[in-house]
Amino acid sequence: MTNLNTITLEDFEPCLGQTFLVTPENAEGLELELTQVKPLGDAGPKAGVRQPFSLLFRGPLEPVLAQQQYPIENSTLGDLSLFLVPIGPDENGSMLYDATFN
C-alpha cells in the first residue's frame, strides 16, 4: 500500500484524468476520475514538511459515497486509503469528492 505520510502533490499529478476504483465496504466498486491536483497554502514546502494539497475527484451522481476513509486502487499509485468528502454535484451532473492532505 502507498504510504500516505510521504505521498506528495507531485505523486498525484501524473494521475490527472486517471480512474481510481473506490471499494466501499459491502458495496460494489465505484470509479472516480481525478480531475484536479491543487496545492494549498504558501508556494513552497518547508524543509521536511509536505506541501499541503487537495485532490478533486468526479464520479457518478448515484450512489453518493459518505464522508469517510475508503480503500482505493489506481494503476499508477497502487493501493491507497483516502478520506473522501462529497462536495456536491457539478454542472454536468457528476458528484464531486475532495481529499485533502496536510
PDB file of N, CA and C in Angstrom:
ATOM      1  N   MET A   1       0.850  -1.180   0.000  1.00  0.00           N
ATOM      2  CA  MET A   1       0.000   0.000   0.000  1.00  0.00           C
ATOM      3  C   MET A   1       0.895   1.242   0.000  1.00  0.00           C
ATOM      4  N   THR A   2       0.493   2.245  -0.753  1.00  0.00           N
ATOM      5  CA  THR A   2       1.224   3.504  -0.827  1.00  0.00           C
ATOM      6  C   THR A   2       1.203   4.203   0.526  1.00  0.00           C
ATOM      7  N   ASN A   3       2.356   4.736   0.954  1.00  0.00           N
ATOM      8  CA  ASN A   3       2.469   5.418   2.244  1.00  0.00           C
ATOM      9  C   ASN A   3       1.921   6.844   2.123  1.00  0.00           C
ATOM     10  N   LEU A   4       0.789   7.098   2.761  1.00  0.00           N
ATOM     11  CA  LEU A   4       0.164   8.419   2.682  1.00  0.00           C
ATOM     12  C   LEU A   4       0.881   9.468   3.512  1.00  0.00           C
ATOM     13  N   ASN A   5       1.773   9.058   4.402  1.00  0.00           N
ATOM     14  CA  ASN A   5       2.528  10.018   5.202  1.00  0.00           C
ATOM     15  C   ASN A   5       3.600  10.725   4.374  1.00  0.00           C
ATOM     16  N   THR A   6       4.018  10.085   3.290  1.00  0.00           N
ATOM     17  CA  THR A   6       5.093  10.662   2.479  1.00  0.00           C
ATOM     18  C   THR A   6       4.659  11.033   1.062  1.00  0.00           C
ATOM     19  N   ILE A   7       3.433  10.676   0.673  1.00  0.00           N
ATOM     20  CA  ILE A   7       2.973  10.977  -0.682  1.00  0.00           C
ATOM     21  C   ILE A   7       2.815  12.487  -0.858  1.00  0.00           C
ATOM     22  N   THR A   8       3.087  12.981  -2.061  1.00  0.00           N
ATOM     23  CA  THR A   8       3.072  14.422  -2.322  1.00  0.00           C
ATOM     24  C   THR A   8       2.177  14.751  -3.510  1.00  0.00           C
ATOM     25  N   LEU A   9       1.962  16.017  -3.682  1.00  0.00           N
ATOM     26  CA  LEU A   9       1.231  16.552  -4.830  1.00  0.00           C
ATOM     27  C   LEU A   9       1.851  16.049  -6.129  1.00  0.00           C
ATOM     28  N   GLU A  10       3.165  16.016  -6.187  1.00  0.00           N
ATOM     29  CA  GLU A  10       3.867  15.570  -7.398  1.00  0.00           C
ATOM     30  C   GLU A  10       3.598  14.098  -7.717  1.00  0.00           C
ATOM     31  N   ASP A  11       3.311  13.295  -6.696  1.00  0.00           N
ATOM     32  CA  ASP A  11       2.978  11.893  -6.928  1.00  0.00           C
ATOM     33  C   ASP A  11       1.625  11.753  -7.627  1.00  0.00           C
ATOM     34  N   PHE A  12       0.693  12.659  -7.331  1.00  0.00           N
ATOM     35  CA  PHE A  12      -0.641  12.585  -7.910  1.00  0.00           C
ATOM     36  C   PHE A  12      -0.751  13.273  -9.275  1.00  0.00           C
ATOM     37  N   GLU A  13       0.097  14.240  -9.565  1.00  0.00           N
ATOM     38  CA  GLU A  13      -0.013  14.989 -10.828  1.00  0.00           C
ATOM     39  C   GLU A  13      -0.048  14.099 -12.070  1.00  0.00           C
ATOM     40  N   PRO A  14       0.786  13.043 -12.175  1.00  0.00           N
ATOM     41  CA  PRO A  14       0.705  12.189 -13.366  1.00  0.00           C
ATOM     42  C   PRO A  14      -0.606  11.396 -13.466  1.00  0.00           C
ATOM     43  N   CYS A  15      -1.389  11.399 -12.404  1.00  0.00           N
ATOM     44  CA  CYS A  15      -2.634  10.624 -12.366  1.00  0.00           C
ATOM     45  C   CYS A  15      -3.857  11.433 -12.791  1.00  0.00           C
ATOM     46  N   LEU A  16      -3.665  12.710 -13.141  1.00  0.00           N
ATOM     47  CA  LEU A  16      -4.797  13.528 -13.588  1.00  0.00           C
ATOM     48  C   LEU A  16      -5.472  12.855 -14.775  1.00  0.00           C
ATOM     49  N   GLY A  17      -6.791  12.737 -14.709  1.00  0.00           N
ATOM     50  CA  GLY A  17      -7.554  12.091 -15.763  1.00  0.00           C
ATOM     51  C   GLY A  17      -7.652  10.585 -15.620  1.00  0.00           C
ATOM     52  N   GLN A  18      -6.929  10.019 -14.671  1.00  0.00           N
ATOM     53  CA  GLN A  18      -6.963   8.567 -14.466  1.00  0.00           C
ATOM     54  C   GLN A  18      -8.136   8.167 -13.571  1.00  0.00           C
ATOM     55  N   THR A  19      -8.483   6.891 -13.668  1.00  0.00           N
ATOM     56  CA  THR A  19      -9.555   6.314 -12.866  1.00  0.00           C
ATOM     57  C   THR A  19      -8.998   5.748 -11.565  1.00  0.00           C
ATOM     58  N   PHE A  20      -9.725   5.979 -10.493  1.00  0.00           N
ATOM     59  CA  PHE A  20      -9.440   5.417  -9.179  1.00  0.00           C
ATOM     60  C   PHE A  20     -10.656   4.577  -8.797  1.00  0.00           C
ATOM     61  N   LEU A  21     -10.434   3.315  -8.460  1.00  0.00           N
ATOM     62  CA  LEU A  21     -11.530   2.424  -8.085  1.00  0.00           C
ATOM     63  C   LEU A  21     -11.700   2.445  -6.573  1.00  0.00           C
ATOM     64  N   VAL A  22     -12.850   2.943  -6.136  1.00  0.00           N
ATOM     65  CA  VAL A  22     -13.187   3.009  -4.713  1.00  0.00           C
ATOM     66  C   VAL A  22     -14.014   1.771  -4.386  1.00  0.00           C
ATOM     67  N   THR A  23     -13.649   1.102  -3.293  1.00  0.00           N
ATOM     68  CA  THR A  23     -14.366  -0.109  -2.902  1.00  0.00           C
ATOM     69  C   THR A  23     -14.971   0.078  -1.516  1.00  0.00           C
ATOM     70  N   PRO A  24     -16.207   0.585  -1.458  1.00  0.00           N
ATOM     71  CA  PRO A  24     -16.867   0.733  -0.165  1.00  0.00           C
ATOM     72  C   PRO A  24     -17.144  -0.639   0.451  1.00  0.00           C
ATOM     73  N   GLU A  25     -17.142  -0.691   1.769  1.00  0.00           N
ATOM     74  CA  GLU A  25     -17.429  -1.945   2.470  1.00  0.00           C
ATOM     75  C   GLU A  25     -18.842  -2.412   2.124  1.00  0.00           C
ATOM     76  N   ASN A  26     -18.976  -3.692   1.792  1.00  0.00           N
ATOM     77  CA  ASN A  26     -20.269  -4.304   1.474  1.00  0.00           C
ATOM     78  C   ASN A  26     -20.996  -3.646   0.303  1.00  0.00           C
ATOM     79  N   ALA A  27     -20.236  -3.112  -0.661  1.00  0.00           N
ATOM     80  CA  ALA A  27     -20.851  -2.483  -1.831  1.00  0.00           C
ATOM     81  C   ALA A  27     -19.987  -2.720  -3.062  1.00  0.00           C
ATOM     82  N   GLU A  28     -20.578  -2.473  -4.217  1.00  0.00           N
ATOM     83  CA  GLU A  28     -19.861  -2.603  -5.469  1.00  0.00           C
ATOM     84  C   GLU A  28     -18.852  -1.477  -5.619  1.00  0.00           C
ATOM     85  N   GLY A  29     -17.754  -1.744  -6.349  1.00  0.00           N
ATOM     86  CA  GLY A  29     -16.749  -0.723  -6.592  1.00  0.00           C
ATOM     87  C   GLY A  29     -17.316   0.428  -7.405  1.00  0.00           C
ATOM     88  N   LEU A  30     -16.735   1.599  -7.215  1.00  0.00           N
ATOM     89  CA  LEU A  30     -17.187   2.815  -7.879  1.00  0.00           C
ATOM     90  C   LEU A  30     -15.974   3.507  -8.474  1.00  0.00           C
ATOM     91  N   GLU A  31     -16.044   3.875  -9.751  1.00  0.00           N
ATOM     92  CA  GLU A  31     -14.922   4.535 -10.410  1.00  0.00           C
ATOM     93  C   GLU A  31     -15.032   6.051 -10.272  1.00  0.00           C
ATOM     94  N   LEU A  32     -13.929   6.663  -9.827  1.00  0.00           N
ATOM     95  CA  LEU A  32     -13.825   8.115  -9.739  1.00  0.00           C
ATOM     96  C   LEU A  32     -12.671   8.562 -10.624  1.00  0.00           C
ATOM     97  N   GLU A  33     -12.832   9.703 -11.274  1.00  0.00           N
ATOM     98  CA  GLU A  33     -11.772  10.276 -12.101  1.00  0.00           C
ATOM     99  C   GLU A  33     -11.111  11.424 -11.346  1.00  0.00           C
ATOM    100  N   LEU A  34      -9.775  11.420 -11.291  1.00  0.00           N
ATOM    101  CA  LEU A  34      -9.046  12.528 -10.672  1.00  0.00           C
ATOM    102  C   LEU A  34      -9.041  13.700 -11.649  1.00  0.00           C
ATOM    103  N   THR A  35      -9.680  14.801 -11.259  1.00  0.00           N
ATOM    104  CA  THR A  35      -9.820  15.941 -12.159  1.00  0.00           C
ATOM    105  C   THR A  35      -8.975  17.154 -11.763  1.00  0.00           C
ATOM    106  N   GLN A  36      -8.474  17.168 -10.528  1.00  0.00           N
ATOM    107  CA  GLN A  36      -7.677  18.322 -10.088  1.00  0.00           C
ATOM    108  C   GLN A  36      -6.725  17.916  -8.969  1.00  0.00           C
ATOM    109  N   VAL A  37      -5.500  18.427  -9.059  1.00  0.00           N
ATOM    110  CA  VAL A  37      -4.497  18.308  -8.003  1.00  0.00           C
ATOM    111  C   VAL A  37      -4.066  19.739  -7.715  1.00  0.00           C
ATOM    112  N   LYS A  38      -4.345  20.219  -6.503  1.00  0.00           N
ATOM    113  CA  LYS A  38      -4.177  21.647  -6.213  1.00  0.00           C
ATOM    114  C   LYS A  38      -3.352  21.864  -4.943  1.00  0.00           C
ATOM    115  N   PRO A  39      -2.264  22.664  -5.045  1.00  0.00           N
ATOM    116  CA  PRO A  39      -1.515  22.991  -3.831  1.00  0.00           C
ATOM    117  C   PRO A  39      -2.337  23.903  -2.921  1.00  0.00           C
ATOM    118  N   LEU A  40      -2.120  23.772  -1.625  1.00  0.00           N
ATOM    119  CA  LEU A  40      -2.786  24.620  -0.639  1.00  0.00           C
ATOM    120  C   LEU A  40      -1.732  25.377   0.157  1.00  0.00           C
ATOM    121  N   GLY A  41      -2.088  26.543   0.631  1.00  0.00           N
ATOM    122  CA  GLY A  41      -1.151  27.298   1.462  1.00  0.00           C
ATOM    123  C   GLY A  41      -0.117  28.040   0.649  1.00  0.00           C
ATOM    124  N   ASP A  42       1.046  28.292   1.265  1.00  0.00           N
ATOM    125  CA  ASP A  42       2.095  29.073   0.612  1.00  0.00           C
ATOM    126  C   ASP A  42       2.701  28.313  -0.567  1.00  0.00           C
ATOM    127  N   ALA A  43       3.521  28.993  -1.331  1.00  0.00           N
ATOM    128  CA  ALA A  43       4.057  28.474  -2.594  1.00  0.00           C
ATOM    129  C   ALA A  43       4.978  27.266  -2.439  1.00  0.00           C
ATOM    130  N   GLY A  44       5.700  27.171  -1.336  1.00  0.00           N
ATOM    131  CA  GLY A  44       6.661  26.078  -1.222  1.00  0.00           C
ATOM    132  C   GLY A  44       6.663  25.434   0.141  1.00  0.00           C
ATOM    133  N   PRO A  45       7.015  24.153   0.197  1.00  0.00           N
ATOM    134  CA  PRO A  45       7.062  23.462   1.479  1.00  0.00           C
ATOM    135  C   PRO A  45       8.284  23.871   2.303  1.00  0.00           C
ATOM    136  N   LYS A  46       8.149  23.767   3.602  1.00  0.00           N
ATOM    137  CA  LYS A  46       9.279  23.979   4.495  1.00  0.00           C
ATOM    138  C   LYS A  46      10.111  22.707   4.501  1.00  0.00           C
ATOM    139  N   ALA A  47      11.354  22.818   4.856  1.00  0.00           N
ATOM    140  CA  ALA A  47      12.248  21.655   4.873  1.00  0.00           C
ATOM    141  C   ALA A  47      11.650  20.538   5.713  1.00  0.00           C
ATOM    142  N   GLY A  48      11.489  19.364   5.095  1.00  0.00           N
ATOM    143  CA  GLY A  48      10.980  18.203   5.806  1.00  0.00           C
ATOM    144  C   GLY A  48       9.477  18.178   6.012  1.00  0.00           C
ATOM    145  N   VAL A  49       8.752  19.180   5.493  1.00  0.00           N
ATOM    146  CA  VAL A  49       7.298  19.231   5.657  1.00  0.00           C
ATOM    147  C   VAL A  49       6.644  19.211   4.271  1.00  0.00           C
ATOM    148  N   ARG A  50       5.683  18.327   4.095  1.00  0.00           N
ATOM    149  CA  ARG A  50       4.992  18.202   2.816  1.00  0.00           C
ATOM    150  C   ARG A  50       4.135  19.431   2.538  1.00  0.00           C
ATOM    151  N   GLN A  51       4.137  19.877   1.290  1.00  0.00           N
ATOM    152  CA  GLN A  51       3.246  20.947   0.835  1.00  0.00           C
ATOM    153  C   GLN A  51       1.806  20.434   0.943  1.00  0.00           C
ATOM    154  N   PRO A  52       0.928  21.113   1.680  1.00  0.00           N
ATOM    155  CA  PRO A  52      -0.471  20.683   1.726  1.00  0.00           C
ATOM    156  C   PRO A  52      -1.094  20.762   0.325  1.00  0.00           C
ATOM    157  N   PHE A  53      -2.001  19.829   0.025  1.00  0.00           N
ATOM    158  CA  PHE A  53      -2.654  19.834  -1.277  1.00  0.00           C
ATOM    159  C   PHE A  53      -4.009  19.158  -1.182  1.00  0.00           C
ATOM    160  N   SER A  54      -4.818  19.380  -2.208  1.00  0.00           N
ATOM    161  CA  SER A  54      -6.119  18.721  -2.269  1.00  0.00           C
ATOM    162  C   SER A  54      -6.291  18.057  -3.625  1.00  0.00           C
ATOM    163  N   LEU A  55      -7.128  17.028  -3.622  1.00  0.00           N
ATOM    164  CA  LEU A  55      -7.464  16.288  -4.831  1.00  0.00           C
ATOM    165  C   LEU A  55      -8.959  16.422  -5.059  1.00  0.00           C
ATOM    166  N   LEU A  56      -9.353  16.568  -6.315  1.00  0.00           N
ATOM    167  CA  LEU A  56     -10.766  16.620  -6.664  1.00  0.00           C
ATOM    168  C   LEU A  56     -11.067  15.450  -7.591  1.00  0.00           C
ATOM    169  N   PHE A  57     -12.067  14.667  -7.205  1.00  0.00           N
ATOM    170  CA  PHE A  57     -12.491  13.508  -7.984  1.00  0.00           C
ATOM    171  C   PHE A  57     -13.912  13.729  -8.485  1.00  0.00           C
ATOM    172  N   ARG A  58     -14.209  13.145  -9.662  1.00  0.00           N
ATOM    173  CA  ARG A  58     -15.559  13.207 -10.227  1.00  0.00           C
ATOM    174  C   ARG A  58     -16.055  11.775 -10.405  1.00  0.00           C
ATOM    175  N   GLY A  59     -17.311  11.545 -10.000  1.00  0.00           N
ATOM    176  CA  GLY A  59     -17.900  10.221 -10.126  1.00  0.00           C
ATOM    177  C   GLY A  59     -19.365  10.313 -10.469  1.00  0.00           C
ATOM    178  N   PRO A  60     -20.046   9.171 -10.512  1.00  0.00           N
ATOM    179  CA  PRO A  60     -21.477   9.176 -10.819  1.00  0.00           C
ATOM    180  C   PRO A  60     -22.269   9.876  -9.718  1.00  0.00           C
ATOM    181  N   LEU A  61     -23.402  10.409 -10.107  1.00  0.00           N
ATOM    182  CA  LEU A  61     -24.259  11.123  -9.160  1.00  0.00           C
ATOM    183  C   LEU A  61     -24.814  10.186  -8.088  1.00  0.00           C
ATOM    184  N   GLU A  62     -25.059   8.949  -8.445  1.00  0.00           N
ATOM    185  CA  GLU A  62     -25.562   7.938  -7.503  1.00  0.00           C
ATOM    186  C   GLU A  62     -24.725   6.683  -7.644  1.00  0.00           C
ATOM    187  N   PRO A  63     -24.420   5.973  -6.619  1.00  0.00           N
ATOM    188  CA  PRO A  63     -24.676   6.314  -5.222  1.00  0.00           C
ATOM    189  C   PRO A  63     -23.675   7.356  -4.737  1.00  0.00           C
ATOM    190  N   VAL A  64     -24.069   8.150  -3.760  1.00  0.00           N
ATOM    191  CA  VAL A  64     -23.167   9.127  -3.156  1.00  0.00           C
ATOM    192  C   VAL A  64     -22.402   8.435  -2.030  1.00  0.00           C
ATOM    193  N   LEU A  65     -21.082   8.536  -2.078  1.00  0.00           N
ATOM    194  CA  LEU A  65     -20.252   7.980  -1.015  1.00  0.00           C
ATOM    195  C   LEU A  65     -20.319   8.881   0.209  1.00  0.00           C
ATOM    196  N   ALA A  66     -20.494   8.296   1.373  1.00  0.00           N
ATOM    197  CA  ALA A  66     -20.495   9.058   2.622  1.00  0.00           C
ATOM    198  C   ALA A  66     -19.079   9.544   2.923  1.00  0.00           C
ATOM    199  N   GLN A  67     -18.978  10.597   3.706  1.00  0.00           N
ATOM    200  CA  GLN A  67     -17.676  11.128   4.127  1.00  0.00           C
ATOM    201  C   GLN A  67     -17.010  10.110   5.039  1.00  0.00           C
ATOM    202  N   GLN A  68     -15.916   9.492   4.544  1.00  0.00           N
ATOM    203  CA  GLN A  68     -15.178   8.521   5.342  1.00  0.00           C
ATOM    204  C   GLN A  68     -13.949   8.042   4.583  1.00  0.00           C
ATOM    205  N   GLN A  69     -13.195   7.171   5.217  1.00  0.00           N
ATOM    206  CA  GLN A  69     -11.989   6.555   4.647  1.00  0.00           C
ATOM    207  C   GLN A  69     -12.401   5.396   3.743  1.00  0.00           C
ATOM    208  N   TYR A  70     -11.790   5.317   2.546  1.00  0.00           N
ATOM    209  CA  TYR A  70     -12.094   4.241   1.603  1.00  0.00           C
ATOM    210  C   TYR A  70     -10.821   3.621   1.061  1.00  0.00           C
ATOM    211  N   PRO A  71     -10.844   2.306   0.829  1.00  0.00           N
ATOM    212  CA  PRO A  71      -9.752   1.685   0.080  1.00  0.00           C
ATOM    213  C   PRO A  71      -9.921   2.042  -1.396  1.00  0.00           C
ATOM    214  N   ILE A  72      -8.816   2.426  -2.025  1.00  0.00           N
ATOM    215  CA  ILE A  72      -8.841   2.896  -3.416  1.00  0.00           C
ATOM    216  C   ILE A  72      -7.684   2.263  -4.166  1.00  0.00           C
ATOM    217  N   GLU A  73      -7.919   1.916  -5.425  1.00  0.00           N
ATOM    218  CA  GLU A  73      -6.876   1.371  -6.289  1.00  0.00           C
ATOM    219  C   GLU A  73      -6.693   2.278  -7.496  1.00  0.00           C
ATOM    220  N   ASN A  74      -5.419   2.432  -7.903  1.00  0.00           N
ATOM    221  CA  ASN A  74      -5.085   3.197  -9.101  1.00  0.00           C
ATOM    222  C   ASN A  74      -3.925   2.507  -9.795  1.00  0.00           C
ATOM    223  N   SER A  75      -3.939   2.498 -11.120  1.00  0.00           N
ATOM    224  CA  SER A  75      -2.905   1.781 -11.870  1.00  0.00           C
ATOM    225  C   SER A  75      -1.517   2.380 -11.681  1.00  0.00           C
ATOM    226  N   THR A  76      -1.424   3.662 -11.410  1.00  0.00           N
ATOM    227  CA  THR A  76      -0.124   4.320 -11.218  1.00  0.00           C
ATOM    228  C   THR A  76       0.347   4.241  -9.770  1.00  0.00           C
ATOM    229  N   LEU A  77      -0.550   4.534  -8.826  1.00  0.00           N
ATOM    230  CA  LEU A  77      -0.167   4.624  -7.410  1.00  0.00           C
ATOM    231  C   LEU A  77      -0.405   3.344  -6.620  1.00  0.00           C
ATOM    232  N   GLY A  78      -1.145   2.414  -7.174  1.00  0.00           N
ATOM    233  CA  GLY A  78      -1.421   1.167  -6.464  1.00  0.00           C
ATOM    234  C   GLY A  78      -2.561   1.328  -5.475  1.00  0.00           C
ATOM    235  N   ASP A  79      -2.448   0.646  -4.342  1.00  0.00           N
ATOM    236  CA  ASP A  79      -3.490   0.662  -3.314  1.00  0.00           C
ATOM    237  C   ASP A  79      -3.286   1.834  -2.364  1.00  0.00           C
ATOM    238  N   LEU A  80      -4.379   2.548  -2.101  1.00  0.00           N
ATOM    239  CA  LEU A  80      -4.376   3.697  -1.195  1.00  0.00           C
ATOM    240  C   LEU A  80      -5.559   3.574  -0.246  1.00  0.00           C
ATOM    241  N   SER A  81      -5.558   4.402   0.755  1.00  0.00           N
ATOM    242  CA  SER A  81      -6.717   4.559   1.619  1.00  0.00           C
ATOM    243  C   SER A  81      -6.904   6.063   1.789  1.00  0.00           C
ATOM    244  N   LEU A  82      -7.990   6.599   1.202  1.00  0.00           N
ATOM    245  CA  LEU A  82      -8.204   8.042   1.216  1.00  0.00           C
ATOM    246  C   LEU A  82      -9.482   8.402   1.951  1.00  0.00           C
ATOM    247  N   PHE A  83      -9.441   9.531   2.661  1.00  0.00           N
ATOM    248  CA  PHE A  83     -10.629  10.087   3.308  1.00  0.00           C
ATOM    249  C   PHE A  83     -11.296  10.989   2.280  1.00  0.00           C
ATOM    250  N   LEU A  84     -12.457  10.562   1.791  1.00  0.00           N
ATOM    251  CA  LEU A  84     -13.177  11.316   0.767  1.00  0.00           C
ATOM    252  C   LEU A  84     -14.335  12.086   1.385  1.00  0.00           C
ATOM    253  N   VAL A  85     -14.518  13.312   0.900  1.00  0.00           N
ATOM    254  CA  VAL A  85     -15.606  14.170   1.356  1.00  0.00           C
ATOM    255  C   VAL A  85     -16.447  14.544   0.136  1.00  0.00           C
ATOM    256  N   PRO A  86     -17.738  14.157   0.111  1.00  0.00           N
ATOM    257  CA  PRO A  86     -18.584  14.584  -1.006  1.00  0.00           C
ATOM    258  C   PRO A  86     -18.816  16.086  -0.909  1.00  0.00           C
ATOM    259  N   ILE A  87     -18.643  16.781  -2.037  1.00  0.00           N
ATOM    260  CA  ILE A  87     -18.823  18.242  -2.001  1.00  0.00           C
ATOM    261  C   ILE A  87     -19.984  18.701  -2.875  1.00  0.00           C
ATOM    262  N   GLY A  88     -20.684  17.751  -3.489  1.00  0.00           N
ATOM    263  CA  GLY A  88     -21.875  18.081  -4.252  1.00  0.00           C
ATOM    264  C   GLY A  88     -21.699  17.840  -5.729  1.00  0.00           C
ATOM    265  N   PRO A  89     -22.817  17.949  -6.458  1.00  0.00           N
ATOM    266  CA  PRO A  89     -22.777  17.711  -7.894  1.00  0.00           C
ATOM    267  C   PRO A  89     -22.188  18.902  -8.644  1.00  0.00           C
ATOM    268  N   ASP A  90     -21.585  18.608  -9.794  1.00  0.00           N
ATOM    269  CA  ASP A  90     -21.100  19.687 -10.657  1.00  0.00           C
ATOM    270  C   ASP A  90     -22.177  20.017 -11.690  1.00  0.00           C
ATOM    271  N   GLU A  91     -21.890  20.939 -12.580  1.00  0.00           N
ATOM    272  CA  GLU A  91     -22.869  21.391 -13.572  1.00  0.00           C
ATOM    273  C   GLU A  91     -23.187  20.324 -14.614  1.00  0.00           C
ATOM    274  N   ASN A  92     -22.381  19.252 -14.689  1.00  0.00           N
ATOM    275  CA  ASN A  92     -22.607  18.185 -15.655  1.00  0.00           C
ATOM    276  C   ASN A  92     -23.346  16.993 -15.056  1.00  0.00           C
ATOM    277  N   GLY A  93     -23.733  17.087 -13.784  1.00  0.00           N
ATOM    278  CA  GLY A  93     -24.470  16.002 -13.153  1.00  0.00           C
ATOM    279  C   GLY A  93     -23.601  14.910 -12.564  1.00  0.00           C
ATOM    280  N   SER A  94     -22.327  15.199 -12.335  1.00  0.00           N
ATOM    281  CA  SER A  94     -21.434  14.256 -11.672  1.00  0.00           C
ATOM    282  C   SER A  94     -21.252  14.678 -10.224  1.00  0.00           C
ATOM    283  N   MET A  95     -20.999  13.711  -9.331  1.00  0.00           N
ATOM    284  CA  MET A  95     -20.722  14.024  -7.929  1.00  0.00           C
ATOM    285  C   MET A  95     -19.236  14.292  -7.783  1.00  0.00           C
ATOM    286  N   LEU A  96     -18.900  15.319  -7.008  1.00  0.00           N
ATOM    287  CA  LEU A  96     -17.516  15.677  -6.756  1.00  0.00           C
ATOM    288  C   LEU A  96     -17.120  15.288  -5.336  1.00  0.00           C
ATOM    289  N   TYR A  97     -15.855  14.850  -5.202  1.00  0.00           N
ATOM    290  CA  TYR A  97     -15.302  14.435  -3.912  1.00  0.00           C
ATOM    291  C   TYR A  97     -13.938  15.088  -3.719  1.00  0.00           C
ATOM    292  N   ASP A  98     -13.654  15.450  -2.480  1.00  0.00           N
ATOM    293  CA  ASP A  98     -12.378  16.070  -2.129  1.00  0.00           C
ATOM    294  C   ASP A  98     -11.598  15.159  -1.177  1.00  0.00           C
ATOM    295  N   ALA A  99     -10.281  15.141  -1.368  1.00  0.00           N
ATOM    296  CA  ALA A  99      -9.362  14.508  -0.421  1.00  0.00           C
ATOM    297  C   ALA A  99      -8.260  15.529  -0.160  1.00  0.00           C
ATOM    298  N   THR A 100      -8.050  15.907   1.082  1.00  0.00           N
ATOM    299  CA  THR A 100      -7.065  16.945   1.436  1.00  0.00           C
ATOM    300  C   THR A 100      -5.927  16.337   2.233  1.00  0.00           C
ATOM    301  N   PHE A 101      -4.709  16.746   1.913  1.00  0.00           N
ATOM    302  CA  PHE A 101      -3.507  16.292   2.595  1.00  0.00           C
ATOM    303  C   PHE A 101      -2.830  17.489   3.234  1.00  0.00           C
ATOM    304  N   ASN A 102      -2.581  17.418   4.546  1.00  0.00           N
ATOM    305  CA  ASN A 102      -1.896  18.499   5.268  1.00  0.00           C
ATOM    306  C   ASN A 102      -0.448  18.161   5.464  1.00  0.00           C
TER     307      ASN A 102
END
